[in-house]
Each structure stands twice: as C-alpha cells, then as structure tokens.
Amino acid sequence: MGPRLGYKTVGRGCEPARKGRGGTVHNTRHTRGSHTQASIIIGGNSHASVKRGALEFLKRVNELGLTLNDDQNDVSRIDQDIVYDRPYTFLGEEYLPDGTVRNTEKNVSKAREAWALLLEAAAGRSERTRRNLCSLISLLVWLAATIQIPLCEHFAVLRLYSAVAAREGKWGAATPVTAHTLAAIRPLVDAVLANAAVKPSRQAAPAREDAYDVIAFVDAAKGGFGVIARTRDGRTLEYSCGWTASVKFSAWAEPFAAAEAIRLIRTGVCRSDPNAGLSPLAPTGRIAIVTDHEAVSNGAQRWWSGCGGVSLAHPLNELFREMYGASGVNAGRGQIDVFFVPGARNPADAPSRRAFPGSPMQQRAFDPDLTLPGLGTCVHHHPTPPARPWWCV
C-alpha cells in the first residue's frame, strides 16, 4: 500500500461517515445507543488520491457534526499527517513502507501469552475457563484476518469453539484442556504467531470474459452435477456425471458440484468418476465459477467477514478448502472467482438433470446455437479471496 492516513471519530446522535471517492477506506464502527465511534484508514497509490479521499471524508464528517481525535478536523493538517516511509500502526495492524501489513507485536504477544496459559492448564498446573478458551480462539481468528490465513484449513478450531460455546453452565467455569483441544488450536496458533506480512488487495474480480482461462457454469441435481465450461481459446464443453450415491440436499450437492468442477478443470479427474481420464482445461490460470447457489457465491466472497470462507457445513467448507486452502487442489495454481447467476439462467441445469447416481462422466461439445450468460450480467459480491479485502471507493 502507498501513502495512508488514519482517523478516529467520536460523535453523538449522528450516522457514521460514508465512503467517498479518491482513496481506499477501511471502516470499523462501534455503536452503543446514540454514541457512534468509527476508526477509518484512507489509503491510495499517490499523495493526491489520499488527499482527495481525506478532503471528501472531512467534508462529510463536518456536515454530520462528528469530532475527530487530536483535532484532525482541520483540513490544513492533511499533508503533514499522510504517512509514507515509516511503519504505521492502526487498529492493531502495522502497515510497513513496502506496502505490506501484519499484526502488531502487542496483539501477537497477547495470543502468545494466552496460548502459554492454555499449555499450562493442559499440563495440570492451572485452570482455564470456557471464557478463556473462547477468547483465545476469537483473538486468533481476528489476527488471522489480517495476514490472510485461510480459515477453511482450520475447521477444527471453529468446531471446537462451537462445542465449547454451546455447553451449559457458567462462562467462568473451568473447562478441561485435552490433547484434542491443543491439536485443534495449535496449527492456527503457529500460523498467527509467525505473523508473516501480506500485501492488501483492492482489486475486485473482473466481470470480463477475457480475464479468465476458463469460465465454468455449475449446477447440481439429486442424481449428479453438470458443468458447462468455456476456455480462453473459444472451446465450450459440457460435462455431466452422477454422484456415487444420491445426494438429498442442495446444501450438499451444490458445493460438491463446484468442487468437482474445479477438480475437472485443474486435473481432469473428479471424485465422482476417478476413471474419467479427461484432459485438464486449465492446470493453472484464472477460473470463474458461476453458480446459482448463494451460499457458495456469498460465502466465498465474504472471506474475512465472519460469514464466509469457512463453514461448519462440511461440503461448503471442503469447497472453500479446495479453492483457497494450502492443501486444496487449487493451491498454487491460480485465482478462482465466484459469480452468481439465477437458476433460470444457469445453462448447467440441463446437463445436471441428465445425470443419475452412478452414471459415468460424459463430455461433449456444447450446442453452438445456445448463448452463455455474460459475466457482466452475473453477480460478484466482494473483493476476491485469498487476497485481504479492502473496500474500493
């Protein structure tokens, strides 16, 4: 990231400041009653772009009667407050001159100390409460968001949190710390404590056909799944394959279908028919997956919002892991963007309905008289993981 400038606002009975033009705004709000606080960082590629964004932000702040900390309402201070060539700490994140960001050592130390106390409890030298354990997991997940740790690889941590939080009894009651507990948390602890700096991205997925090596429309039915894939060189192929067993719920079938499409494109093999022996369409490169299942499209895009990127639903989390995890089939192969298309416009509906449980993979040329929906008419919700998302203004 280039130059940057941070603000903290305090006001009463007024709405939070809105995003404007000229820079990138990252906004965290805390509201209690009529009291509103907002911590905002504005960044851009040049001094001029940051200044434009700051001027518009300050105009809106003054219109609303908000008060900024440290007398930053004064527009004459903008030039001197913009940071270029030194580390800059904001909301527990350290922005470095090379454009990368990582967690502050203060926050990492909190995680390190909490983990040490958990190890002591496991050894029988102390006790930890339900609150202590859930607080540690919450802190780890918060720190993971800063440095792009894919939470789909840490399914066990979220399952552990869910189980501990659901227990009856007081939050201050002691909770057992077993070897299973440590094994679930340790991989995430190691990744967070390493605190490897990452470069934030401000790029949303392009809704242009020429940006992708393969565009794949995917749909699932009770008996199997269908894929219609168009390659950069103009080939359009249709795939249809049955499940190894009947899938009763679309919440399972749709993520399964998307994961199978990715495996087909990257490797030419899918789990439903491992003997298909097809040629991969794009072993590397950028893929657009187009689905009519909103849990796939919304969940994949809201990577760090706490609503997506990891799921306690096994099929959905397995899809995220295949797309974004270090152990997934797509690891190191290229970017995958996910778009949504209404079911009535999804051309993969027909091949999915021709499949039945146990039917082998079939591949054929797509009907040249039919036209695929353009990506520009499909919906892409947010900046694409695994790059750390920023709001674009």
Protein backbone atom coordinates (compact mmCIF):
# COMPACT_ATOMS: atom_id res chain seq x y z
CA MET A 1 0.00 0.00 0.00
CA GLY A 2 1.20 3.54 -0.72
CA PRO A 3 0.57 6.65 1.38
CA ARG A 4 -2.04 6.36 4.08
CA LEU A 5 -3.86 8.42 6.69
CA GLY A 6 -5.93 7.32 9.70
CA TYR A 7 -8.81 8.97 11.53
CA LYS A 8 -10.76 8.19 14.69
CA THR A 9 -14.12 9.86 15.13
CA VAL A 10 -16.29 10.46 18.18
CA GLY A 11 -19.83 11.89 17.94
CA ARG A 12 -23.36 11.64 19.28
CA GLY A 13 -26.66 11.09 17.56
CA CYS A 14 -25.25 11.03 14.02
CA GLU A 15 -24.73 8.46 11.31
CA PRO A 16 -21.23 7.16 10.53
CA ALA A 17 -19.33 8.86 7.73
CA ARG A 18 -19.80 7.30 4.30
CA LYS A 19 -17.23 6.20 1.76
CA GLY A 20 -16.30 8.73 -0.91
CA ARG A 21 -14.05 8.94 -3.95
CA GLY A 22 -10.31 9.25 -4.19
CA GLY A 23 -8.88 6.56 -1.93
CA THR A 24 -9.50 3.30 -0.12
CA VAL A 25 -11.43 3.43 3.15
CA HIS A 26 -11.36 0.68 5.78
CA ASN A 27 -14.04 1.36 8.40
CA THR A 28 -14.67 -0.29 11.77
CA ARG A 29 -17.65 1.01 13.74
CA HIS A 30 -18.67 0.54 17.35
CA THR A 31 -22.16 1.80 18.27
CA ARG A 32 -23.81 1.97 21.70
CA GLY A 33 -27.11 3.81 21.96
CA SER A 34 -26.76 7.14 20.21
CA HIS A 35 -22.97 7.17 20.58
CA THR A 36 -21.03 6.36 17.42
CA GLN A 37 -17.30 5.74 17.04
CA ALA A 38 -15.52 4.98 13.80
CA SER A 39 -11.89 4.18 13.11
CA ILE A 40 -11.02 4.75 9.48
CA ILE A 41 -7.88 4.43 7.39
CA ILE A 42 -7.63 6.02 3.96
CA GLY A 43 -5.02 4.74 1.53
CA GLY A 44 -4.16 5.08 -2.13
CA ASN A 45 -1.40 4.88 -4.71
CA SER A 46 -0.46 8.56 -4.51
CA HIS A 47 -0.45 11.52 -2.17
CA ALA A 48 -3.05 13.23 -4.34
CA SER A 49 -5.52 10.31 -4.25
CA VAL A 50 -5.26 10.03 -0.46
CA LYS A 51 -5.72 13.79 -0.09
CA ARG A 52 -8.84 13.75 -2.30
CA GLY A 53 -10.31 10.95 -0.21
CA ALA A 54 -9.42 12.74 3.04
CA LEU A 55 -10.96 16.02 1.89
CA GLU A 56 -14.23 14.34 0.97
CA PHE A 57 -14.22 12.38 4.23
CA LEU A 58 -13.62 15.53 6.30
CA LYS A 59 -16.36 17.37 4.43
CA ARG A 60 -18.81 14.61 5.31
CA VAL A 61 -17.57 14.47 8.93
CA ASN A 62 -18.07 18.20 9.41
CA GLU A 63 -21.53 18.10 7.81
CA LEU A 64 -22.55 15.45 10.34
CA GLY A 65 -21.02 17.24 13.32
CA LEU A 66 -18.57 14.46 14.10
CA THR A 67 -15.49 15.21 16.16
CA LEU A 68 -12.14 13.68 15.25
CA ASN A 69 -9.48 12.79 17.79
CA ASP A 70 -6.41 15.04 18.02
CA ASP A 71 -8.10 17.97 16.22
CA GLN A 72 -7.90 16.23 12.84
CA ASN A 73 -10.99 18.11 11.58
CA ASP A 74 -8.55 20.75 10.33
CA VAL A 75 -8.05 20.18 6.58
CA SER A 76 -4.72 22.03 6.70
CA ARG A 77 -3.24 19.07 8.59
CA ILE A 78 -3.80 16.53 5.82
CA ASP A 79 -0.43 16.93 4.09
CA GLN A 80 1.56 16.59 7.29
CA ASP A 81 -0.48 13.63 8.57
CA ILE A 82 -0.12 11.43 5.47
CA VAL A 83 2.41 8.67 6.17
CA TYR A 84 4.89 7.40 3.54
CA ASP A 85 8.14 5.86 4.65
CA ARG A 86 7.74 4.53 8.17
CA PRO A 87 5.70 1.79 9.82
CA TYR A 88 2.20 2.95 10.70
CA THR A 89 0.06 1.30 13.38
CA PHE A 90 -3.70 1.44 13.10
CA LEU A 91 -6.33 -0.69 14.86
CA GLY A 92 -3.81 -3.33 15.87
CA GLU A 93 -2.30 -3.61 12.39
CA GLU A 94 1.17 -2.50 11.37
CA TYR A 95 1.48 -1.06 7.86
CA LEU A 96 5.03 -1.26 6.53
CA PRO A 97 6.75 1.00 3.97
CA ASP A 98 6.89 -1.81 1.40
CA GLY A 99 3.08 -1.87 1.23
CA THR A 100 2.55 -4.94 3.41
CA VAL A 101 0.62 -5.31 6.66
CA ARG A 102 0.90 -7.57 9.67
CA ASN A 103 -0.41 -7.73 13.23
CA THR A 104 1.27 -5.54 15.83
CA GLU A 105 3.66 -7.28 18.19
CA LYS A 106 1.42 -6.19 21.08
CA ASN A 107 -1.51 -8.23 19.73
CA VAL A 108 0.67 -11.18 18.77
CA SER A 109 2.08 -11.18 22.31
CA LYS A 110 -1.45 -11.41 23.71
CA ALA A 111 -2.04 -14.55 21.65
CA ARG A 112 1.33 -15.99 22.67
CA GLU A 113 0.64 -15.42 26.38
CA ALA A 114 -2.89 -16.87 26.17
CA TRP A 115 -1.53 -19.95 24.38
CA ALA A 116 1.14 -20.41 27.08
CA LEU A 117 -1.56 -20.32 29.77
CA LEU A 118 -3.55 -22.93 27.87
CA LEU A 119 -0.48 -25.19 27.73
CA GLU A 120 -0.07 -24.80 31.49
CA ALA A 121 -3.69 -25.85 32.00
CA ALA A 122 -3.17 -28.90 29.80
CA ALA A 123 -0.21 -29.86 31.98
CA GLY A 124 -2.36 -29.58 35.11
CA ARG A 125 -0.55 -26.55 36.54
CA SER A 126 -3.51 -24.17 36.26
CA GLU A 127 -7.11 -23.90 35.08
CA ARG A 128 -8.74 -22.20 32.09
CA THR A 129 -12.42 -21.25 31.84
CA ARG A 130 -14.81 -21.50 28.91
CA ARG A 131 -14.45 -17.75 28.55
CA ASN A 132 -10.64 -18.02 28.41
CA LEU A 133 -10.72 -20.70 25.73
CA CYS A 134 -13.30 -18.96 23.52
CA SER A 135 -11.50 -15.63 23.93
CA LEU A 136 -8.25 -17.18 22.72
CA ILE A 137 -9.93 -18.66 19.64
CA SER A 138 -11.67 -15.34 18.91
CA LEU A 139 -8.35 -13.49 19.13
CA LEU A 140 -6.65 -16.00 16.82
CA VAL A 141 -9.40 -15.69 14.21
CA TRP A 142 -9.23 -11.88 14.41
CA LEU A 143 -5.45 -11.89 13.90
CA ALA A 144 -5.75 -14.45 11.10
CA ALA A 145 -7.87 -12.00 9.10
CA THR A 146 -5.01 -9.50 8.92
CA ILE A 147 -2.45 -11.91 7.48
CA GLN A 148 -4.62 -13.95 5.10
CA ILE A 149 -4.68 -17.25 6.96
CA PRO A 150 -7.39 -19.30 5.20
CA LEU A 151 -9.77 -20.36 7.95
CA CYS A 152 -11.13 -23.19 5.83
CA GLU A 153 -7.90 -25.00 6.74
CA HIS A 154 -8.74 -24.61 10.43
CA PHE A 155 -12.15 -26.23 10.52
CA ALA A 156 -11.31 -28.00 13.79
CA VAL A 157 -10.83 -24.69 15.61
CA LEU A 158 -14.29 -23.44 14.64
CA ARG A 159 -15.87 -26.76 15.58
CA LEU A 160 -14.13 -26.58 18.96
CA TYR A 161 -15.36 -23.03 19.55
CA SER A 162 -18.91 -24.04 18.63
CA ALA A 163 -18.83 -27.01 21.00
CA VAL A 164 -17.39 -25.04 23.94
CA ALA A 165 -19.77 -22.12 23.48
CA ALA A 166 -22.79 -24.46 23.34
CA ARG A 167 -22.04 -26.12 26.68
CA GLU A 168 -24.39 -25.48 29.55
CA GLY A 169 -23.08 -23.74 32.63
CA LYS A 170 -21.31 -20.53 33.53
CA TRP A 171 -18.71 -18.93 31.30
CA GLY A 172 -16.42 -18.61 34.30
CA ALA A 173 -16.46 -22.33 35.00
CA ALA A 174 -13.26 -24.31 34.47
CA THR A 175 -13.07 -26.26 31.21
CA PRO A 176 -10.88 -29.29 30.50
CA VAL A 177 -7.91 -28.69 28.20
CA THR A 178 -7.22 -32.00 26.50
CA ALA A 179 -4.74 -33.18 23.88
CA HIS A 180 -7.59 -32.91 21.37
CA THR A 181 -8.10 -29.25 22.33
CA LEU A 182 -4.43 -28.45 21.78
CA ALA A 183 -4.27 -30.37 18.50
CA ALA A 184 -7.25 -28.41 17.14
CA ILE A 185 -5.81 -25.00 18.04
CA ARG A 186 -2.05 -25.46 17.55
CA PRO A 187 -1.91 -25.12 13.71
CA LEU A 188 -3.73 -21.79 13.85
CA VAL A 189 -1.56 -20.62 16.74
CA ASP A 190 1.61 -21.43 14.80
CA ALA A 191 0.38 -19.52 11.74
CA VAL A 192 -0.70 -16.48 13.75
CA LEU A 193 2.50 -16.30 15.80
CA ALA A 194 4.59 -16.45 12.60
CA ASN A 195 2.83 -13.16 11.67
CA ALA A 196 4.04 -13.14 8.05
CA ALA A 197 3.28 -9.77 6.45
CA VAL A 198 0.93 -9.73 3.44
CA LYS A 199 0.05 -7.16 0.80
CA PRO A 200 -3.58 -5.96 0.86
CA SER A 201 -5.52 -6.12 -2.37
CA ARG A 202 -8.03 -3.55 -3.59
CA GLN A 203 -8.99 -5.41 -6.76
CA ALA A 204 -12.46 -6.84 -7.22
CA ALA A 205 -12.89 -9.74 -9.65
CA PRO A 206 -13.21 -8.57 -13.26
CA ALA A 207 -16.55 -9.34 -14.90
CA ARG A 208 -14.86 -9.72 -18.31
CA GLU A 209 -14.65 -12.96 -20.22
CA ASP A 210 -11.13 -12.18 -21.47
CA ALA A 211 -9.81 -12.10 -17.89
CA TYR A 212 -10.30 -15.86 -17.42
CA ASP A 213 -8.69 -19.01 -18.75
CA VAL A 214 -11.90 -20.93 -18.03
CA ILE A 215 -15.43 -19.81 -17.19
CA ALA A 216 -17.45 -22.69 -15.73
CA PHE A 217 -21.20 -22.69 -15.12
CA VAL A 218 -22.04 -25.30 -12.49
CA ASP A 219 -25.29 -26.84 -11.28
CA ALA A 220 -26.31 -29.83 -9.20
CA ALA A 221 -29.32 -32.11 -9.12
CA LYS A 222 -30.35 -35.02 -6.94
CA GLY A 223 -28.64 -37.56 -9.22
CA GLY A 224 -25.49 -35.71 -10.25
CA PHE A 225 -23.94 -32.49 -11.47
CA GLY A 226 -23.41 -30.62 -14.71
CA VAL A 227 -20.72 -28.20 -15.91
CA ILE A 228 -20.53 -26.04 -19.00
CA ALA A 229 -17.01 -24.67 -19.42
CA ARG A 230 -15.72 -22.14 -21.92
CA THR A 231 -11.96 -21.79 -22.41
CA ARG A 232 -9.95 -18.75 -23.40
CA ASP A 233 -9.40 -20.19 -26.89
CA GLY A 234 -13.16 -20.41 -27.51
CA ARG A 235 -13.87 -24.09 -26.83
CA THR A 236 -17.12 -24.80 -24.95
CA LEU A 237 -17.56 -28.21 -23.37
CA GLU A 238 -20.38 -29.83 -21.44
CA TYR A 239 -19.84 -32.30 -18.58
CA SER A 240 -22.37 -34.49 -16.84
CA CYS A 241 -21.68 -37.03 -14.10
CA GLY A 242 -23.69 -38.90 -11.47
CA TRP A 243 -23.00 -38.95 -7.77
CA THR A 244 -21.57 -42.09 -6.25
CA ALA A 245 -24.73 -42.07 -4.10
CA SER A 246 -27.90 -39.99 -4.09
CA VAL A 247 -27.46 -36.55 -2.51
CA LYS A 248 -30.60 -35.46 -0.69
CA PHE A 249 -29.93 -31.77 -0.04
CA SER A 250 -28.92 -28.96 -2.38
CA ALA A 251 -26.88 -27.53 0.51
CA TRP A 252 -24.60 -30.55 -0.01
CA ALA A 253 -24.96 -31.07 -3.74
CA GLU A 254 -24.12 -27.54 -4.92
CA PRO A 255 -20.79 -27.23 -3.07
CA PHE A 256 -19.93 -30.79 -4.18
CA ALA A 257 -20.64 -29.82 -7.79
CA ALA A 258 -18.49 -26.68 -7.63
CA ALA A 259 -15.61 -28.63 -6.09
CA GLU A 260 -15.89 -31.33 -8.77
CA ALA A 261 -15.84 -28.65 -11.48
CA ILE A 262 -12.62 -27.22 -10.06
CA ARG A 263 -11.02 -30.67 -9.92
CA LEU A 264 -12.05 -31.35 -13.52
CA ILE A 265 -10.64 -28.05 -14.77
CA ARG A 266 -7.38 -28.34 -12.85
CA THR A 267 -6.65 -32.08 -13.08
CA GLY A 268 -9.13 -33.74 -15.48
CA VAL A 269 -10.25 -36.04 -12.66
CA CYS A 270 -13.21 -35.86 -10.31
CA ARG A 271 -14.11 -37.93 -7.28
CA SER A 272 -17.46 -38.99 -8.72
CA ASP A 273 -15.68 -40.74 -11.62
CA PRO A 274 -11.94 -41.09 -10.94
CA ASN A 275 -11.50 -43.14 -14.12
CA ALA A 276 -12.81 -40.47 -16.47
CA GLY A 277 -9.27 -39.71 -17.72
CA LEU A 278 -10.08 -36.29 -19.21
CA SER A 279 -7.56 -33.63 -20.16
CA PRO A 280 -7.49 -30.70 -17.73
CA LEU A 281 -8.76 -27.49 -19.27
CA ALA A 282 -6.53 -25.20 -17.21
CA PRO A 283 -3.95 -26.75 -14.87
CA THR A 284 -3.03 -23.17 -13.95
CA GLY A 285 -4.55 -19.75 -14.59
CA ARG A 286 -7.64 -17.84 -13.54
CA ILE A 287 -11.06 -19.50 -13.29
CA ALA A 288 -14.54 -18.05 -12.93
CA ILE A 289 -17.06 -20.37 -11.27
CA VAL A 290 -20.69 -19.35 -11.90
CA THR A 291 -23.27 -20.93 -9.59
CA ASP A 292 -26.94 -20.44 -8.76
CA HIS A 293 -26.35 -21.39 -5.12
CA GLU A 294 -25.99 -18.26 -2.99
CA ALA A 295 -24.23 -19.99 -0.10
CA VAL A 296 -21.35 -20.72 -2.48
CA SER A 297 -21.17 -17.28 -4.08
CA ASN A 298 -21.77 -15.19 -0.96
CA GLY A 299 -19.74 -17.39 1.34
CA ALA A 300 -16.74 -17.49 -0.97
CA GLN A 301 -16.64 -13.73 -1.40
CA ARG A 302 -17.20 -12.65 2.21
CA TRP A 303 -13.87 -14.25 3.04
CA TRP A 304 -12.97 -12.37 6.21
CA SER A 305 -16.37 -11.07 7.28
CA GLY A 306 -17.05 -13.92 9.68
CA CYS A 307 -19.88 -15.03 7.38
CA GLY A 308 -17.88 -16.90 4.77
CA GLY A 309 -14.63 -18.51 3.78
CA VAL A 310 -15.15 -21.17 6.42
CA SER A 311 -18.30 -23.08 7.25
CA LEU A 312 -19.35 -25.68 9.78
CA ALA A 313 -21.20 -27.35 6.89
CA HIS A 314 -18.67 -29.95 5.71
CA PRO A 315 -19.40 -29.77 1.94
CA LEU A 316 -19.22 -25.97 1.86
CA ASN A 317 -16.02 -25.87 3.88
CA GLU A 318 -14.50 -28.56 1.66
CA LEU A 319 -15.22 -26.37 -1.36
CA PHE A 320 -13.54 -23.38 0.27
CA ARG A 321 -10.55 -25.54 1.13
CA GLU A 322 -10.23 -26.78 -2.44
CA MET A 323 -10.40 -23.21 -3.76
CA TYR A 324 -8.30 -21.31 -1.25
CA GLY A 325 -6.58 -23.67 1.18
CA ALA A 326 -2.91 -24.57 1.09
CA SER A 327 -3.89 -28.26 0.90
CA GLY A 328 -6.63 -27.81 -1.74
CA VAL A 329 -6.48 -28.89 -5.37
CA ASN A 330 -6.13 -25.26 -6.46
CA ALA A 331 -3.17 -24.44 -4.21
CA GLY A 332 -0.54 -22.55 -6.20
CA ARG A 333 -2.46 -22.94 -9.47
CA GLY A 334 -4.18 -19.55 -9.80
CA GLN A 335 -7.08 -17.36 -8.77
CA ILE A 336 -10.69 -18.55 -8.58
CA ASP A 337 -13.52 -16.00 -8.61
CA VAL A 338 -17.13 -16.94 -7.88
CA PHE A 339 -20.18 -15.36 -9.54
CA PHE A 340 -23.90 -15.86 -9.00
CA VAL A 341 -26.49 -16.40 -11.73
CA PRO A 342 -30.22 -17.05 -11.11
CA GLY A 343 -31.17 -20.68 -11.56
CA ALA A 344 -33.47 -19.94 -14.51
CA ARG A 345 -30.46 -18.57 -16.44
CA ASN A 346 -27.95 -21.25 -15.48
CA PRO A 347 -27.12 -23.29 -18.62
CA ALA A 348 -25.63 -26.09 -16.50
CA ASP A 349 -29.11 -27.02 -15.26
CA ALA A 350 -29.82 -29.29 -18.26
CA PRO A 351 -26.69 -31.49 -18.05
CA SER A 352 -27.07 -31.80 -14.27
CA ARG A 353 -30.58 -33.26 -14.71
CA ARG A 354 -29.38 -35.87 -17.20
CA ALA A 355 -27.12 -37.43 -14.56
CA PHE A 356 -28.21 -40.16 -12.18
CA PRO A 357 -26.38 -41.87 -9.29
CA GLY A 358 -23.56 -43.99 -10.66
CA SER A 359 -23.66 -42.63 -14.22
CA PRO A 360 -20.12 -42.12 -15.62
CA MET A 361 -18.62 -38.83 -16.66
CA GLN A 362 -19.75 -37.68 -20.09
CA GLN A 363 -18.13 -34.90 -22.08
CA ARG A 364 -19.43 -33.41 -25.30
CA ALA A 365 -19.23 -30.22 -27.32
CA PHE A 366 -21.72 -27.60 -26.26
CA ASP A 367 -24.63 -26.75 -28.56
CA PRO A 368 -23.30 -23.83 -30.68
CA ASP A 369 -26.80 -22.36 -31.04
CA LEU A 370 -27.06 -21.59 -27.32
CA THR A 371 -25.52 -18.48 -25.78
CA LEU A 372 -23.97 -18.41 -22.32
CA PRO A 373 -24.86 -15.59 -19.91
CA GLY A 374 -22.20 -12.89 -19.88
CA LEU A 375 -20.21 -12.42 -16.68
CA GLY A 376 -21.26 -8.78 -16.74
CA THR A 377 -24.84 -9.92 -16.14
CA CYS A 378 -23.84 -12.14 -13.20
CA VAL A 379 -23.20 -11.00 -9.64
CA HIS A 380 -19.85 -10.90 -7.89
CA HIS A 381 -20.23 -9.76 -4.32
CA HIS A 382 -16.92 -8.62 -2.88
CA PRO A 383 -13.15 -8.44 -3.43
CA THR A 384 -11.92 -11.94 -4.04
CA PRO A 385 -10.10 -14.14 -1.51
CA PRO A 386 -7.50 -15.10 -0.60
CA ALA A 387 -6.25 -11.51 -1.00
CA ARG A 388 -7.13 -9.47 2.08
CA PRO A 389 -10.16 -7.40 1.02
CA TRP A 390 -10.42 -3.64 1.20
CA TRP A 391 -13.45 -1.56 0.27
CA CYS A 392 -12.98 0.13 -3.09
CA VAL A 393 -14.33 3.67 -3.35
